[in-house]
């Protein structure tokens, strides 16, 4: 007699697989959540839940006009900005359990061991792949040739008109981003600028002044709050931002950069280990996440095998380039 019946397999997967899967998935750091806004993939506010989302960058209304008491209030106009296309990607993997394994005298022990090992691996790999994708957006975001792997937001019924690039048809990090309602451009990329206190000041000024423009080209507030670095630059970043006095200074200057940004040392940033990024963890980058993988079981009568599947959904897009800056990374 089999030690595991086919009808028992789904509950066995749930009882033995999910605890291991959950523990391993939650053990992994979610670096993507430290640099961007995370949205549920099944949210009803999305254009197509589980598939993708399309949204306008809202330039907002015109500024208030100064008027005299009793004067008629002038009307304003709204116009459409760029459209952001976001694809929600489906990731799956299957494990085959032959009928003969279940029917073996020690079938239950074999099946439990197999499920636990698979669940542990899937829990870790799902978190790793999400982190790799987010890191890829930062690393490939400088390429003048673009990267369809990270910046093609096309999904069912919605074709991204600028595949490989962000909403304005340019790389995420570029020296001349265009605005919809102004001839003014802004830059969020410097190819050669090593991480130092003075260079960080330069980038902060660029973000807070040069990039602090809305789609009409009018002034706005642009406040960076995070410094993202590969792990080999973590020490440099912490010394710059945590020193009481200006790092590397012989004049006991006050370190005005102290605690101004939160450091995220991301081990998945491996393309160029001298590059660094400054941004805002609630503006500019958005991720669509279903959470940990879901396990399901089906029976394939053709192969007389039970199939255990692991599936999750994830995607990311740039909703605004202004809050982010990349330094010391080539554009090719």
Protein backbone atom coordinates (compact mmCIF):
# COMPACT_ATOMS: atom_id res chain seq x y z
CA UNK A 1 0.00 0.00 0.00
CA UNK A 2 1.29 3.49 -0.75
CA UNK A 3 2.32 5.53 2.27
CA UNK A 4 0.98 8.70 0.60
CA UNK A 5 -2.24 8.70 -1.36
CA UNK A 6 -2.72 11.16 -4.26
CA UNK A 7 -5.47 12.96 -2.34
CA UNK A 8 -3.12 13.53 0.60
CA UNK A 9 -0.36 15.16 -1.44
CA UNK A 10 -1.80 18.72 -1.54
CA UNK A 11 -2.19 18.83 2.24
CA UNK A 12 1.29 17.31 2.66
CA UNK A 13 2.72 20.06 0.46
CA UNK A 14 0.87 22.71 2.48
CA UNK A 15 1.85 21.29 5.87
CA UNK A 16 5.50 20.56 5.14
CA UNK A 17 6.36 22.93 2.30
CA UNK A 18 4.91 26.26 3.39
CA UNK A 19 6.61 26.50 6.81
CA UNK A 20 10.02 25.93 5.18
CA UNK A 21 9.20 28.21 2.25
CA UNK A 22 8.01 31.01 4.54
CA UNK A 23 11.01 30.81 6.83
CA UNK A 24 13.51 30.92 3.98
CA UNK A 25 11.70 33.65 2.04
CA UNK A 26 11.36 35.92 5.06
CA UNK A 27 14.99 35.33 6.02
CA UNK A 28 16.16 37.03 2.84
CA UNK A 29 16.51 40.83 2.87
CA UNK A 30 14.21 42.66 0.44
CA UNK A 31 16.56 45.26 -1.00
CA UNK A 32 13.98 46.34 -3.57
CA UNK A 33 11.63 47.44 -0.79
CA UNK A 34 14.37 49.74 0.55
CA UNK A 35 14.56 51.79 -2.64
CA UNK A 36 11.02 51.91 -4.01
CA UNK A 37 7.31 51.77 -3.36
CA UNK A 38 5.90 48.22 -3.31
CA UNK A 39 2.39 47.66 -4.67
CA UNK A 40 0.28 44.45 -4.55
CA UNK A 41 -0.07 42.76 -7.94
CA UNK A 42 -3.77 42.07 -7.39
CA UNK A 43 -4.74 45.61 -6.39
CA UNK A 44 -8.03 46.68 -8.05
CA UNK A 45 -6.48 50.09 -8.79
CA UNK A 46 -4.19 48.52 -11.39
CA UNK A 47 -5.10 48.60 -15.07
CA UNK A 48 -4.90 44.81 -15.29
CA UNK A 49 -4.27 43.13 -11.91
CA UNK A 50 -1.70 40.33 -12.12
CA UNK A 51 -0.75 41.47 -15.64
CA UNK A 52 0.34 45.11 -15.63
CA UNK A 53 -0.47 48.76 -15.08
CA UNK A 54 -0.63 51.89 -17.18
CA UNK A 55 -0.70 55.35 -15.59
CA UNK A 56 -0.19 58.98 -16.51
CA UNK A 57 2.44 61.11 -14.84
CA UNK A 58 0.13 63.81 -13.56
CA UNK A 59 1.62 67.29 -14.07
CA UNK A 60 -1.12 68.76 -11.89
CA UNK A 61 -2.90 72.06 -12.30
CA UNK A 62 -1.30 75.41 -12.96
CA UNK A 63 -0.08 77.50 -10.04
CA UNK A 64 -2.49 79.79 -8.22
CA UNK A 65 -2.74 83.24 -9.77
CA UNK A 66 -2.63 86.35 -7.61
CA UNK A 67 -5.90 88.28 -7.96
CA UNK A 68 -7.54 91.31 -6.44
CA UNK A 69 -10.44 90.99 -4.01
CA UNK A 70 -13.62 90.68 -6.02
CA UNK A 71 -11.79 89.73 -9.21
CA UNK A 72 -13.02 86.72 -11.15
CA UNK A 73 -10.94 83.64 -10.45
CA UNK A 74 -9.10 82.63 -13.62
CA UNK A 75 -9.50 79.10 -14.87
CA UNK A 76 -6.61 76.69 -15.16
CA UNK A 77 -5.84 73.78 -17.41
CA UNK A 78 -4.52 70.30 -16.88
CA UNK A 79 -2.61 68.42 -19.53
CA UNK A 80 -1.50 64.85 -19.90
CA UNK A 81 2.06 63.97 -19.06
CA UNK A 82 4.01 60.89 -20.04
CA UNK A 83 2.45 57.44 -19.67
CA UNK A 84 4.24 54.83 -17.58
CA UNK A 85 3.83 51.19 -18.63
CA UNK A 86 4.51 48.52 -16.01
CA UNK A 87 4.60 44.81 -16.76
CA UNK A 88 3.92 42.35 -13.96
CA UNK A 89 6.02 39.28 -14.70
CA UNK A 90 5.09 35.72 -13.82
CA UNK A 91 7.80 33.42 -12.46
CA UNK A 92 7.22 29.68 -12.06
CA UNK A 93 9.04 26.39 -11.60
CA UNK A 94 7.75 22.81 -11.33
CA UNK A 95 8.97 19.71 -9.53
CA UNK A 96 7.96 16.23 -10.70
CA UNK A 97 7.15 13.48 -8.20
CA UNK A 98 6.73 10.12 -9.97
CA UNK A 99 3.80 7.96 -8.94
CA UNK A 100 6.27 5.20 -8.10
CA UNK A 101 7.93 7.35 -5.42
CA UNK A 102 4.62 7.90 -3.64
CA UNK A 103 3.78 4.20 -3.83
CA UNK A 104 7.13 3.10 -2.38
CA UNK A 105 7.19 1.66 1.14
CA UNK A 106 9.11 4.71 2.35
CA UNK A 107 7.25 7.07 0.02
CA UNK A 108 6.10 9.53 2.69
CA UNK A 109 9.62 10.16 3.98
CA UNK A 110 10.96 10.60 0.45
CA UNK A 111 8.18 12.96 -0.56
CA UNK A 112 8.47 15.08 2.58
CA UNK A 113 12.23 15.41 2.12
CA UNK A 114 11.78 16.37 -1.53
CA UNK A 115 9.10 18.96 -0.75
CA UNK A 116 11.12 20.54 2.05
CA UNK A 117 14.26 20.85 -0.07
CA UNK A 118 12.32 22.33 -2.97
CA UNK A 119 10.43 24.77 -0.75
CA UNK A 120 13.63 25.97 0.91
CA UNK A 121 15.26 26.58 -2.45
CA UNK A 122 12.21 28.28 -3.95
CA UNK A 123 11.84 30.58 -0.94
CA UNK A 124 15.43 31.76 -1.24
CA UNK A 125 15.48 32.03 -5.04
CA UNK A 126 12.28 34.07 -5.25
CA UNK A 127 13.74 36.73 -2.96
CA UNK A 128 17.08 36.65 -4.80
CA UNK A 129 15.44 37.07 -8.22
CA UNK A 130 13.39 40.06 -7.05
CA UNK A 131 16.51 41.72 -5.65
CA UNK A 132 18.41 40.97 -8.85
CA UNK A 133 15.67 42.57 -10.93
CA UNK A 134 15.66 45.75 -8.86
CA UNK A 135 19.46 45.94 -8.99
CA UNK A 136 19.31 45.42 -12.75
CA UNK A 137 17.08 48.47 -13.10
CA UNK A 138 19.75 50.59 -11.44
CA UNK A 139 22.67 48.99 -13.27
CA UNK A 140 21.17 48.82 -16.78
CA UNK A 141 19.40 52.14 -16.38
CA UNK A 142 22.43 54.02 -17.72
CA UNK A 143 22.68 52.19 -21.06
CA UNK A 144 22.14 54.43 -24.09
CA UNK A 145 21.15 51.29 -26.01
CA UNK A 146 18.44 50.59 -23.43
CA UNK A 147 17.52 47.29 -21.82
CA UNK A 148 14.30 45.49 -22.74
CA UNK A 149 14.92 42.99 -19.94
CA UNK A 150 14.17 45.68 -17.36
CA UNK A 151 12.43 48.53 -19.17
CA UNK A 152 9.87 46.99 -21.53
CA UNK A 153 6.56 47.57 -19.77
CA UNK A 154 4.35 45.96 -22.42
CA UNK A 155 1.60 43.67 -21.12
CA UNK A 156 -1.56 42.09 -22.55
CA UNK A 157 -3.47 44.71 -24.52
CA UNK A 158 -0.92 47.45 -23.77
CA UNK A 159 2.22 47.98 -25.84
CA UNK A 160 4.98 50.09 -24.34
CA UNK A 161 5.88 52.67 -27.03
CA UNK A 162 9.44 53.01 -25.70
CA UNK A 163 10.59 49.43 -24.95
CA UNK A 164 14.04 49.33 -23.38
CA UNK A 165 13.70 52.85 -22.00
CA UNK A 166 11.58 54.73 -19.48
CA UNK A 167 8.51 56.83 -20.24
CA UNK A 168 10.34 59.69 -22.01
CA UNK A 169 12.12 57.36 -24.45
CA UNK A 170 15.49 57.78 -22.70
CA UNK A 171 17.52 55.61 -20.33
CA UNK A 172 16.52 55.81 -16.65
CA UNK A 173 19.73 57.80 -16.06
CA UNK A 174 20.44 60.36 -18.77
CA UNK A 175 21.97 63.80 -19.15
CA UNK A 176 19.02 65.42 -20.93
CA UNK A 177 15.62 64.18 -19.75
CA UNK A 178 12.76 66.07 -21.39
CA UNK A 179 9.61 67.46 -19.78
CA UNK A 180 6.15 67.31 -21.35
CA UNK A 181 5.29 70.97 -20.84
CA UNK A 182 8.65 72.69 -21.00
CA UNK A 183 11.74 72.93 -23.19
CA UNK A 184 13.87 72.64 -20.07
CA UNK A 185 15.83 69.39 -19.57
CA UNK A 186 17.39 67.85 -16.49
CA UNK A 187 20.24 65.40 -15.88
CA UNK A 188 20.43 62.50 -13.45
CA UNK A 189 23.66 60.84 -14.61
CA UNK A 190 27.37 61.59 -14.37
CA UNK A 191 29.58 58.90 -15.88
CA UNK A 192 32.73 59.79 -13.94
CA UNK A 193 32.23 60.94 -10.34
CA UNK A 194 33.75 58.82 -7.58
CA UNK A 195 31.99 58.62 -4.23
CA UNK A 196 33.30 61.30 -1.88
CA UNK A 197 31.82 63.92 0.43
CA UNK A 198 32.27 66.73 -2.10
CA UNK A 199 30.88 64.66 -4.99
CA UNK A 200 27.90 63.61 -2.90
CA UNK A 201 27.25 67.31 -2.26
CA UNK A 202 27.31 67.87 -6.03
CA UNK A 203 24.71 65.16 -6.62
CA UNK A 204 22.48 66.35 -3.78
CA UNK A 205 22.53 69.86 -5.23
CA UNK A 206 21.65 68.53 -8.68
CA UNK A 207 18.67 66.63 -7.25
CA UNK A 208 17.43 69.39 -4.94
CA UNK A 209 17.88 72.23 -7.43
CA UNK A 210 18.46 71.17 -11.03
CA UNK A 211 16.00 68.26 -10.95
CA UNK A 212 13.41 69.97 -8.75
CA UNK A 213 11.12 70.78 -11.67
CA UNK A 214 7.65 69.48 -12.43
CA UNK A 215 6.45 68.54 -15.92
CA UNK A 216 5.64 72.20 -16.62
CA UNK A 217 9.22 73.17 -15.76
CA UNK A 218 8.16 74.93 -12.57
CA UNK A 219 9.89 74.62 -9.20
CA UNK A 220 9.02 71.75 -6.87
CA UNK A 221 10.54 70.04 -3.84
CA UNK A 222 12.81 67.08 -4.62
CA UNK A 223 14.26 65.52 -1.48
CA UNK A 224 16.60 62.49 -1.71
CA UNK A 225 16.78 60.22 1.34
CA UNK A 226 18.80 57.14 0.34
CA UNK A 227 22.33 56.40 -0.88
CA UNK A 228 22.61 53.04 -2.65
CA UNK A 229 26.04 51.47 -3.06
CA UNK A 230 27.63 48.09 -3.84
CA UNK A 231 28.92 46.42 -0.70
CA UNK A 232 32.55 47.40 -1.31
CA UNK A 233 31.57 51.08 -0.99
CA UNK A 234 29.59 50.61 2.22
CA UNK A 235 32.46 51.72 4.43
CA UNK A 236 33.07 54.84 2.34
CA UNK A 237 29.37 55.70 2.39
CA UNK A 238 29.04 55.25 6.15
CA UNK A 239 32.12 57.32 6.87
CA UNK A 240 30.78 60.16 4.73
CA UNK A 241 27.33 60.12 6.31
CA UNK A 242 28.06 59.13 9.91
CA UNK A 243 31.19 61.10 10.79
CA UNK A 244 30.70 63.89 13.31
CA UNK A 245 33.16 66.03 11.37
CA UNK A 246 33.65 66.22 7.63
CA UNK A 247 35.17 62.93 6.46
CA UNK A 248 38.78 63.32 5.29
CA UNK A 249 38.97 66.93 6.45
CA UNK A 250 41.92 68.34 8.42
CA UNK A 251 40.07 71.50 9.44
CA UNK A 252 37.47 70.02 11.80
CA UNK A 253 34.68 71.18 9.51
CA UNK A 254 31.14 70.33 10.54
CA UNK A 255 29.83 67.38 8.54
CA UNK A 256 26.53 68.71 7.22
CA UNK A 257 25.98 65.37 5.44
CA UNK A 258 25.70 63.47 8.75
CA UNK A 259 22.57 61.29 8.79
CA UNK A 260 21.20 63.11 5.74
CA UNK A 261 20.78 59.87 3.77
CA UNK A 262 20.16 56.23 4.65
CA UNK A 263 22.79 53.85 3.26
CA UNK A 264 21.64 50.74 1.38
CA UNK A 265 24.57 48.43 0.63
CA UNK A 266 23.19 46.08 -2.01
CA UNK A 267 25.18 42.88 -2.74
CA UNK A 268 23.39 42.48 -6.07
CA UNK A 269 25.04 45.60 -7.52
CA UNK A 270 27.98 43.87 -9.19
CA UNK A 271 28.24 45.34 -12.70
CA UNK A 272 30.51 48.22 -11.74
CA UNK A 273 31.57 48.28 -8.11
CA UNK A 274 32.53 51.96 -8.14
CA UNK A 275 29.06 53.21 -9.15
CA UNK A 276 26.60 54.73 -6.68
CA UNK A 277 23.04 56.02 -6.67
CA UNK A 278 21.11 58.64 -4.72
CA UNK A 279 17.32 58.65 -4.64
CA UNK A 280 14.09 58.65 -2.71
CA UNK A 281 12.66 55.36 -1.41
CA UNK A 282 9.04 56.47 -1.89
CA UNK A 283 9.29 58.30 -5.24
CA UNK A 284 10.53 57.34 -8.68
CA UNK A 285 10.76 53.56 -8.44
CA UNK A 286 7.80 51.23 -7.99
CA UNK A 287 7.63 47.47 -7.64
CA UNK A 288 4.67 45.14 -8.04
CA UNK A 289 4.94 42.12 -5.76
CA UNK A 290 2.78 39.10 -4.97
CA UNK A 291 4.87 38.13 -1.94
CA UNK A 292 6.27 34.67 -1.36
CA UNK A 293 5.66 31.91 -3.93
CA UNK A 294 2.41 29.95 -3.98
CA UNK A 295 2.62 26.14 -4.10
CA UNK A 296 0.12 24.03 -6.05
CA UNK A 297 -0.17 20.35 -6.99
CA UNK A 298 -1.63 18.70 -10.09
CA UNK A 299 -1.54 15.17 -11.50
CA UNK A 300 -0.28 14.52 -15.03
CA UNK A 301 -1.94 11.33 -16.21
CA UNK A 302 0.27 11.11 -19.31
CA UNK A 303 3.44 10.71 -17.25
CA UNK A 304 1.71 9.34 -14.15
CA UNK A 305 3.48 11.99 -12.11
CA UNK A 306 2.44 14.53 -9.55
CA UNK A 307 3.57 18.08 -10.36
CA UNK A 308 4.30 20.54 -7.57
CA UNK A 309 4.55 24.12 -8.83
CA UNK A 310 5.90 27.29 -7.27
CA UNK A 311 4.73 30.64 -8.67
CA UNK A 312 5.06 34.33 -7.85
CA UNK A 313 4.53 37.62 -9.67
CA UNK A 314 6.88 40.59 -9.71
CA UNK A 315 7.69 43.64 -11.78
CA UNK A 316 9.15 47.11 -11.57
CA UNK A 317 9.06 50.42 -13.40
CA UNK A 318 10.26 54.00 -13.22
CA UNK A 319 7.39 56.37 -12.46
CA UNK A 320 9.61 59.46 -12.16
CA UNK A 321 13.29 59.93 -13.04
CA UNK A 322 13.72 63.21 -11.14
CA UNK A 323 14.24 61.76 -7.63
CA UNK A 324 17.09 59.45 -8.72
CA UNK A 325 20.71 60.04 -9.76
CA UNK A 326 23.45 57.62 -10.86
CA UNK A 327 27.13 58.52 -10.57
CA UNK A 328 30.41 56.97 -11.68
CA UNK A 329 28.91 54.52 -14.16
CA UNK A 330 29.40 54.38 -17.92
CA UNK A 331 26.52 54.80 -20.35
CA UNK A 332 27.53 51.78 -22.44
